C-alpha atoms as a PDB file:
ATOM      1  CA  MET A   1      19.486   2.321  57.671  1.00  0.00           C
ATOM      2  CA  GLN A   2      16.159   3.493  58.909  1.00  0.00           C
ATOM      3  CA  ARG A   3      13.010   3.103  56.858  1.00  0.00           C
ATOM      4  CA  SER A   4      10.708   5.936  56.059  1.00  0.00           C
ATOM      5  CA  PRO A   5       7.507   5.748  58.082  1.00  0.00           C
ATOM      6  CA  LEU A   6       5.599   5.609  54.805  1.00  0.00           C
ATOM      7  CA  ALA A   7       7.620   2.687  53.449  1.00  0.00           C
ATOM      8  CA  LYS A   8       6.019  -0.642  54.023  1.00  0.00           C
ATOM      9  CA  GLU A   9       7.446  -4.029  53.169  1.00  0.00           C
ATOM     10  CA  VAL A  10       5.303  -5.957  50.760  1.00  0.00           C
ATOM     11  CA  ARG A  11       5.519  -9.718  50.623  1.00  0.00           C
ATOM     12  CA  PHE A  12       3.901 -11.875  47.980  1.00  0.00           C
ATOM     13  CA  ASP A  13       2.895 -15.424  48.622  1.00  0.00           C
ATOM     14  CA  ALA A  14       3.776 -18.173  46.120  1.00  0.00           C
ATOM     15  CA  ALA A  15       0.453 -17.905  44.270  1.00  0.00           C
ATOM     16  CA  GLU A  16       0.856 -14.139  43.789  1.00  0.00           C
ATOM     17  CA  ARG A  17       4.432 -14.565  42.555  1.00  0.00           C
ATOM     18  CA  GLU A  18       3.295 -17.245  40.101  1.00  0.00           C
ATOM     19  CA  ARG A  19       0.494 -15.022  38.786  1.00  0.00           C
ATOM     20  CA  ASP A  20       2.940 -12.134  38.315  1.00  0.00           C
ATOM     21  CA  LYS A  21       5.272 -14.439  36.367  1.00  0.00           C
ATOM     22  CA  ASP A  22       2.353 -15.544  34.172  1.00  0.00           C
ATOM     23  CA  LEU A  23       1.328 -11.935  33.517  1.00  0.00           C
ATOM     24  CA  ALA A  24       4.942 -11.092  32.603  1.00  0.00           C
ATOM     25  CA  THR A  25       4.963 -14.033  30.188  1.00  0.00           C
ATOM     26  CA  LEU A  26       1.706 -12.830  28.624  1.00  0.00           C
ATOM     27  CA  PHE A  27       3.197  -9.339  28.248  1.00  0.00           C
ATOM     28  CA  GLU A  28       6.353 -10.826  26.659  1.00  0.00           C
ATOM     29  CA  ILE A  29       4.332 -12.885  24.160  1.00  0.00           C
ATOM     30  CA  LEU A  30       2.310  -9.844  23.079  1.00  0.00           C
ATOM     31  CA  VAL A  31       5.463  -7.741  22.604  1.00  0.00           C
ATOM     32  CA  THR A  32       7.211 -10.529  20.681  1.00  0.00           C
ATOM     33  CA  LEU A  33       4.192 -11.195  18.469  1.00  0.00           C
ATOM     34  CA  ASP A  34       3.890  -7.477  17.705  1.00  0.00           C
ATOM     35  CA  HIS A  35       7.575  -7.331  16.703  1.00  0.00           C
ATOM     36  CA  LEU A  36       7.099 -10.433  14.555  1.00  0.00           C
ATOM     37  CA  GLU A  37       4.140  -8.838  12.746  1.00  0.00           C
ATOM     38  CA  ASN A  38       6.219  -5.699  12.170  1.00  0.00           C
ATOM     39  CA  ALA A  39       8.970  -7.849  10.647  1.00  0.00           C
ATOM     40  CA  VAL A  40       6.441  -9.369   8.243  1.00  0.00           C
ATOM     41  CA  ALA A  41       5.129  -5.931   7.302  1.00  0.00           C
ATOM     42  CA  ARG A  42       8.692  -4.824   6.536  1.00  0.00           C
ATOM     43  CA  ASP A  43       9.507  -8.083   4.719  1.00  0.00           C
ATOM     44  CA  THR A  44      12.528  -8.715   6.953  1.00  0.00           C
ATOM     45  CA  ILE A  45      11.716 -12.291   7.961  1.00  0.00           C
ATOM     46  CA  ASN A  46      11.624 -15.554   6.059  1.00  0.00           C
ATOM     47  CA  PRO A  47       7.947 -16.555   5.569  1.00  0.00           C
ATOM     48  CA  ARG A  48       8.513 -20.125   6.786  1.00  0.00           C
ATOM     49  CA  GLU A  49      10.289 -18.915   9.955  1.00  0.00           C
ATOM     50  CA  TYR A  50       7.516 -16.373  10.488  1.00  0.00           C
ATOM     51  CA  ARG A  51       4.739 -18.969  10.255  1.00  0.00           C
ATOM     52  CA  GLU A  52       6.530 -21.370  12.630  1.00  0.00           C
ATOM     53  CA  GLU A  53       7.258 -18.666  15.207  1.00  0.00           C
ATOM     54  CA  CYS A  54       3.775 -17.176  14.917  1.00  0.00           C
ATOM     55  CA  ARG A  55       2.109 -20.578  15.440  1.00  0.00           C
ATOM     56  CA  ARG A  56       4.362 -21.199  18.463  1.00  0.00           C
ATOM     57  CA  LEU A  57       3.539 -17.806  19.995  1.00  0.00           C
ATOM     58  CA  LEU A  58      -0.200 -18.207  19.388  1.00  0.00           C
ATOM     59  CA  ALA A  59      -0.130 -21.633  21.067  1.00  0.00           C
ATOM     60  CA  ARG A  60       1.811 -20.258  24.053  1.00  0.00           C
ATOM     61  CA  LEU A  61      -0.588 -17.336  24.244  1.00  0.00           C
ATOM     62  CA  LYS A  62      -3.651 -19.597  24.475  1.00  0.00           C
ATOM     63  CA  LEU A  63      -2.033 -21.593  27.263  1.00  0.00           C
ATOM     64  CA  ILE A  64      -0.863 -18.619  29.342  1.00  0.00           C
ATOM     65  CA  GLN A  65      -4.084 -16.684  28.703  1.00  0.00           C
ATOM     66  CA  THR A  66      -6.083 -19.596  30.112  1.00  0.00           C
ATOM     67  CA  LYS A  67      -3.736 -19.892  33.079  1.00  0.00           C
ATOM     68  CA  CYS A  68      -3.938 -16.138  33.883  1.00  0.00           C
ATOM     69  CA  LYS A  69      -7.661 -15.926  33.150  1.00  0.00           C
ATOM     70  CA  GLU A  70      -6.996 -12.817  31.041  1.00  0.00           C
ATOM     71  CA  ASN A  71      -9.738 -12.958  28.414  1.00  0.00           C
ATOM     72  CA  ASP A  72      -9.660  -9.321  27.292  1.00  0.00           C
ATOM     73  CA  LEU A  73      -6.188  -8.807  25.840  1.00  0.00           C
ATOM     74  CA  LYS A  74      -6.984  -5.294  24.663  1.00  0.00           C
ATOM     75  CA  ALA A  75      -7.825  -4.285  28.246  1.00  0.00           C
ATOM     76  CA  PHE A  76      -4.668  -6.053  29.439  1.00  0.00           C
ATOM     77  CA  ALA A  77      -2.571  -4.092  26.920  1.00  0.00           C
ATOM     78  CA  GLU A  78      -4.184  -0.794  27.971  1.00  0.00           C
ATOM     79  CA  ARG A  79      -3.732  -1.565  31.660  1.00  0.00           C
ATOM     80  CA  TYR A  80       0.026  -2.078  31.168  1.00  0.00           C
ATOM     81  CA  TRP A  81       0.450   0.709  28.531  1.00  0.00           C
ATOM     82  CA  LEU A  82       1.357  -1.787  25.865  1.00  0.00           C
ATOM     83  CA  CYS A  83       0.936  -0.738  22.235  1.00  0.00           C
ATOM     84  CA  CYS A  84       0.538  -3.989  20.292  1.00  0.00           C
ATOM     85  CA  ASP A  85      -2.202  -3.431  17.715  1.00  0.00           C
ATOM     86  CA  LEU A  86      -0.610  -5.759  15.142  1.00  0.00           C
ATOM     87  CA  ALA A  87      -0.345  -8.559  17.702  1.00  0.00           C
ATOM     88  CA  LEU A  88      -3.977  -8.094  18.755  1.00  0.00           C
ATOM     89  CA  ALA A  89      -5.091  -8.227  15.125  1.00  0.00           C
ATOM     90  CA  ARG A  90      -3.094 -11.437  14.547  1.00  0.00           C
ATOM     91  CA  ILE A  91      -4.587 -12.990  17.703  1.00  0.00           C
ATOM     92  CA  LYS A  92      -8.088 -12.053  16.552  1.00  0.00           C
ATOM     93  CA  ASN A  93      -7.371 -13.707  13.177  1.00  0.00           C
ATOM     94  CA  GLY A  94      -5.957 -16.774  14.957  1.00  0.00           C
ATOM     95  CA  ASN A  95      -3.509 -17.779  12.200  1.00  0.00           C
ATOM     96  CA  PRO A  96      -0.196 -16.572  10.813  1.00  0.00           C
ATOM     97  CA  ALA A  97      -0.491 -14.157   7.881  1.00  0.00           C
ATOM     98  CA  GLY A  98      -1.079 -16.046   4.641  1.00  0.00           C
ATOM     99  CA  GLU A  99      -2.933 -18.931   6.272  1.00  0.00           C
ATOM    100  CA  GLN A 100      -6.652 -19.410   6.034  1.00  0.00           C
ATOM    101  CA  GLU A 101      -8.762 -21.541   8.325  1.00  0.00           C
ATOM    102  CA  GLN A 102     -10.865 -24.078   6.436  1.00  0.00           C
ATOM    103  CA  GLY A 103     -12.862 -26.439   8.618  1.00  0.00           C
ATOM    104  CA  GLN A 104     -10.515 -28.323  10.919  1.00  0.00           C
ATOM    105  CA  GLU A 105      -7.501 -28.014   8.630  1.00  0.00           C
ATOM    106  CA  THR A 106      -5.262 -25.029   8.079  1.00  0.00           C
ATOM    107  CA  HIS A 107      -4.035 -24.478   4.524  1.00  0.00           C
ATOM    108  CA  VAL A 108      -1.096 -22.283   3.641  1.00  0.00           C
ATOM    109  CA  HIS A 109      -1.831 -19.894   0.793  1.00  0.00           C
ATOM    110  CA  THR A 110       1.493 -18.826  -0.667  1.00  0.00           C
ATOM    111  CA  ILE A 111       1.487 -16.205  -3.340  1.00  0.00           C
ATOM    112  CA  MET A 112       4.198 -16.223  -5.953  1.00  0.00           C
ATOM    113  CA  LEU A 113       3.784 -12.963  -7.800  1.00  0.00           C
ATOM    114  CA  VAL A 114       5.126 -12.584 -11.296  1.00  0.00           C
ATOM    115  CA  THR A 115       6.812  -9.330 -10.275  1.00  0.00           C
ATOM    116  CA  GLN A 116       8.836 -11.266  -7.707  1.00  0.00           C
ATOM    117  CA  LEU A 117       9.733 -14.282  -9.832  1.00  0.00           C
ATOM    118  CA  ARG A 118      10.469 -12.813 -13.258  1.00  0.00           C
ATOM    119  CA  PRO A 119      13.563 -10.724 -12.326  1.00  0.00           C
ATOM    120  CA  GLU A 120      15.004 -13.489 -10.134  1.00  0.00           C
ATOM    121  CA  LEU A 121      14.616 -16.168 -12.787  1.00  0.00           C
ATOM    122  CA  SER A 122      15.931 -13.857 -15.506  1.00  0.00           C
ATOM    123  CA  SER A 123      19.035 -13.122 -13.425  1.00  0.00           C
ATOM    124  CA  LEU A 124      19.545 -16.828 -12.674  1.00  0.00           C
ATOM    125  CA  LEU A 125      19.359 -17.775 -16.356  1.00  0.00           C
ATOM    126  CA  ARG A 126      21.738 -14.976 -17.288  1.00  0.00           C
ATOM    127  CA  ASP A 127      24.277 -16.163 -14.682  1.00  0.00           C
ATOM    128  CA  LEU A 128      23.913 -19.808 -15.707  1.00  0.00           C
ATOM    129  CA  GLY A 129      24.447 -18.823 -19.353  1.00  0.00           C
ATOM    130  CA  LYS A 130      27.752 -17.131 -18.468  1.00  0.00           C
ATOM    131  CA  MET A 131      29.123 -20.305 -16.911  1.00  0.00           C
ATOM    132  CA  THR A 132      31.365 -22.074 -19.412  1.00  0.00           C
ATOM    133  CA  THR A 133      33.193 -24.627 -17.290  1.00  0.00           C
ATOM    134  CA  TYR A 134      30.204 -25.823 -15.336  1.00  0.00           C
ATOM    135  CA  ARG A 135      27.263 -26.094 -17.741  1.00  0.00           C
ATOM    136  CA  LEU A 136      23.816 -27.077 -16.573  1.00  0.00           C
ATOM    137  CA  PRO A 137      22.377 -29.692 -18.953  1.00  0.00           C
ATOM    138  CA  GLU A 138      19.980 -28.358 -21.607  1.00  0.00           C
ATOM    139  CA  LYS A 139      17.086 -30.332 -20.073  1.00  0.00           C
ATOM    140  CA  TYR A 140      17.165 -28.063 -16.991  1.00  0.00           C
ATOM    141  CA  MET A 141      17.998 -24.877 -18.896  1.00  0.00           C
ATOM    142  CA  SER A 142      15.005 -25.386 -21.213  1.00  0.00           C
ATOM    143  CA  LYS A 143      12.644 -25.876 -18.238  1.00  0.00           C
ATOM    144  CA  LEU A 144      13.896 -22.655 -16.678  1.00  0.00           C
ATOM    145  CA  ARG A 145      13.648 -20.753 -19.985  1.00  0.00           C
ATOM    146  CA  SER A 146      10.110 -22.085 -20.411  1.00  0.00           C
ATOM    147  CA  TRP A 147       9.176 -20.761 -16.954  1.00  0.00           C
ATOM    148  CA  LEU A 148      10.660 -17.378 -17.802  1.00  0.00           C
ATOM    149  CA  SER A 149       8.690 -17.285 -21.044  1.00  0.00           C
ATOM    150  CA  ASN A 150       5.474 -18.133 -19.173  1.00  0.00           C
ATOM    151  CA  LEU A 151       6.162 -15.425 -16.592  1.00  0.00           C
ATOM    152  CA  GLU A 152       6.837 -12.855 -19.293  1.00  0.00           C
ATOM    153  CA  ASP A 153       3.414 -13.615 -20.809  1.00  0.00           C
ATOM    154  CA  MET A 154       1.655 -12.938 -17.496  1.00  0.00           C
ATOM    155  CA  SER A 155       0.648  -9.525 -16.134  1.00  0.00           C
ATOM    156  CA  ALA A 156       2.592  -7.975 -13.276  1.00  0.00           C
ATOM    157  CA  MET A 157       0.166  -8.863 -10.474  1.00  0.00           C
ATOM    158  CA  ASP A 158      -0.768 -12.346 -11.658  1.00  0.00           C
ATOM    159  CA  GLU A 159       0.029 -15.186  -9.300  1.00  0.00           C
ATOM    160  CA  LEU A 160       0.865 -18.802  -9.908  1.00  0.00           C
ATOM    161  CA  SER A 161      -1.690 -21.435  -8.963  1.00  0.00           C
ATOM    162  CA  GLU A 162      -0.772 -23.923  -6.242  1.00  0.00           C
ATOM    163  CA  SER A 163       0.047 -26.617  -8.820  1.00  0.00           C
ATOM    164  CA  GLU A 164       2.185 -24.155 -10.816  1.00  0.00           C
ATOM    165  CA  GLN A 165       3.984 -23.138  -7.629  1.00  0.00           C
ATOM    166  CA  SER A 166       4.704 -26.766  -6.813  1.00  0.00           C
ATOM    167  CA  GLN A 167       6.002 -27.483 -10.311  1.00  0.00           C
ATOM    168  CA  PHE A 168       8.098 -24.302 -10.362  1.00  0.00           C
ATOM    169  CA  SER A 169       9.657 -25.189  -6.983  1.00  0.00           C
ATOM    170  CA  LEU A 170      10.340 -28.741  -8.163  1.00  0.00           C
ATOM    171  CA  ASP A 171      11.995 -27.580 -11.402  1.00  0.00           C
ATOM    172  CA  ILE A 172      14.186 -25.072  -9.542  1.00  0.00           C
ATOM    173  CA  SER A 173      15.139 -27.683  -6.917  1.00  0.00           C
ATOM    174  CA  GLU A 174      16.036 -30.259  -9.574  1.00  0.00           C
ATOM    175  CA  ALA A 175      18.184 -27.731 -11.455  1.00  0.00           C
ATOM    176  CA  GLU A 176      19.888 -26.702  -8.218  1.00  0.00           C
ATOM    177  CA  ALA A 177      20.600 -30.329  -7.256  1.00  0.00           C
ATOM    178  CA  GLU A 178      22.009 -31.050 -10.726  1.00  0.00           C
ATOM    179  CA  LEU A 179      24.243 -27.969 -10.577  1.00  0.00           C
ATOM    180  CA  GLU A 180      25.509 -28.985  -7.133  1.00  0.00           C
ATOM    181  CA  GLN A 181      26.291 -32.459  -8.497  1.00  0.00           C
ATOM    182  CA  ILE A 182      28.183 -30.957 -11.451  1.00  0.00           C
ATOM    183  CA  LEU A 183      30.172 -28.657  -9.169  1.00  0.00           C
ATOM    184  CA  LYS A 184      31.057 -31.541  -6.832  1.00  0.00           C
ATOM    185  CA  SER A 185      32.159 -33.819  -9.659  1.00  0.00           C
ATOM    186  CA  LYS A 186      34.229 -31.089 -11.345  1.00  0.00           C
ATOM    187  CA  SER A 187      35.897 -30.091  -8.078  1.00  0.00           C
ATOM    188  CA  MET A 188      36.690 -33.745  -7.263  1.00  0.00           C
ATOM    189  CA  GLY A 189      38.127 -34.227 -10.748  1.00  0.00           C
ATOM    190  CA  ALA A 190      40.311 -31.142 -10.317  1.00  0.00           C
ATOM    191  CA  SER A 191      41.838 -32.349  -7.046  1.00  0.00           C
END
C-alpha cells in the first residue's frame, strides 16, 4: 500500500511517550475527580468512600502535576476541551467536601441533620417495636427513644454537635451489636 505524499511517519522517543502517558494520566484524574464530585452533588456515593477516593485522587494529582510540570490546570483543561469545573474547584479547595484545613491537621466536619436522622430513627424504633420473638433489651430501646425525643425537640435544620454525633453513633452501634447477638443466640437455639 502506497502512502500519500502528505502522510509522514511520526516517531516519538521514550521521553515524549512518557510525557504523553503522564498527560493522559492527568486527564484521567481530572475526569474521575469531576465524576466523583458529581456523585457527591447527587448524593449517590457513601461519604466515607468519597473522602477516601478524593484524597487518593488529590494525592495522585499533585504527583503527576509535578511530573508533567502542568501548573495551570484550567489552561490544561481548555487545551484538551475538558469540562471539569467541579474537579477544578475541589483541587483549588485542596480537601474533600466536608473537610476543613486547620493548621497542619485536617478535621472531618460531619453534619448529622435532624431532618435526616428523625425519620430513620423513628422507622427503626417502629420496626423494633413490632418484633415479638427477638426483643431488644429495654436499656437499648430507652436510649433510642431518648434520642428520638431529643431530635423531635430540635428544629429541622439543626445539627448534632461532634460529641452528640459520637454518642449517637455509639448508642446505635451498641444496639445493633446487641440485636445481632440476640439473633445469633435465638437462631442457634432453634437449630
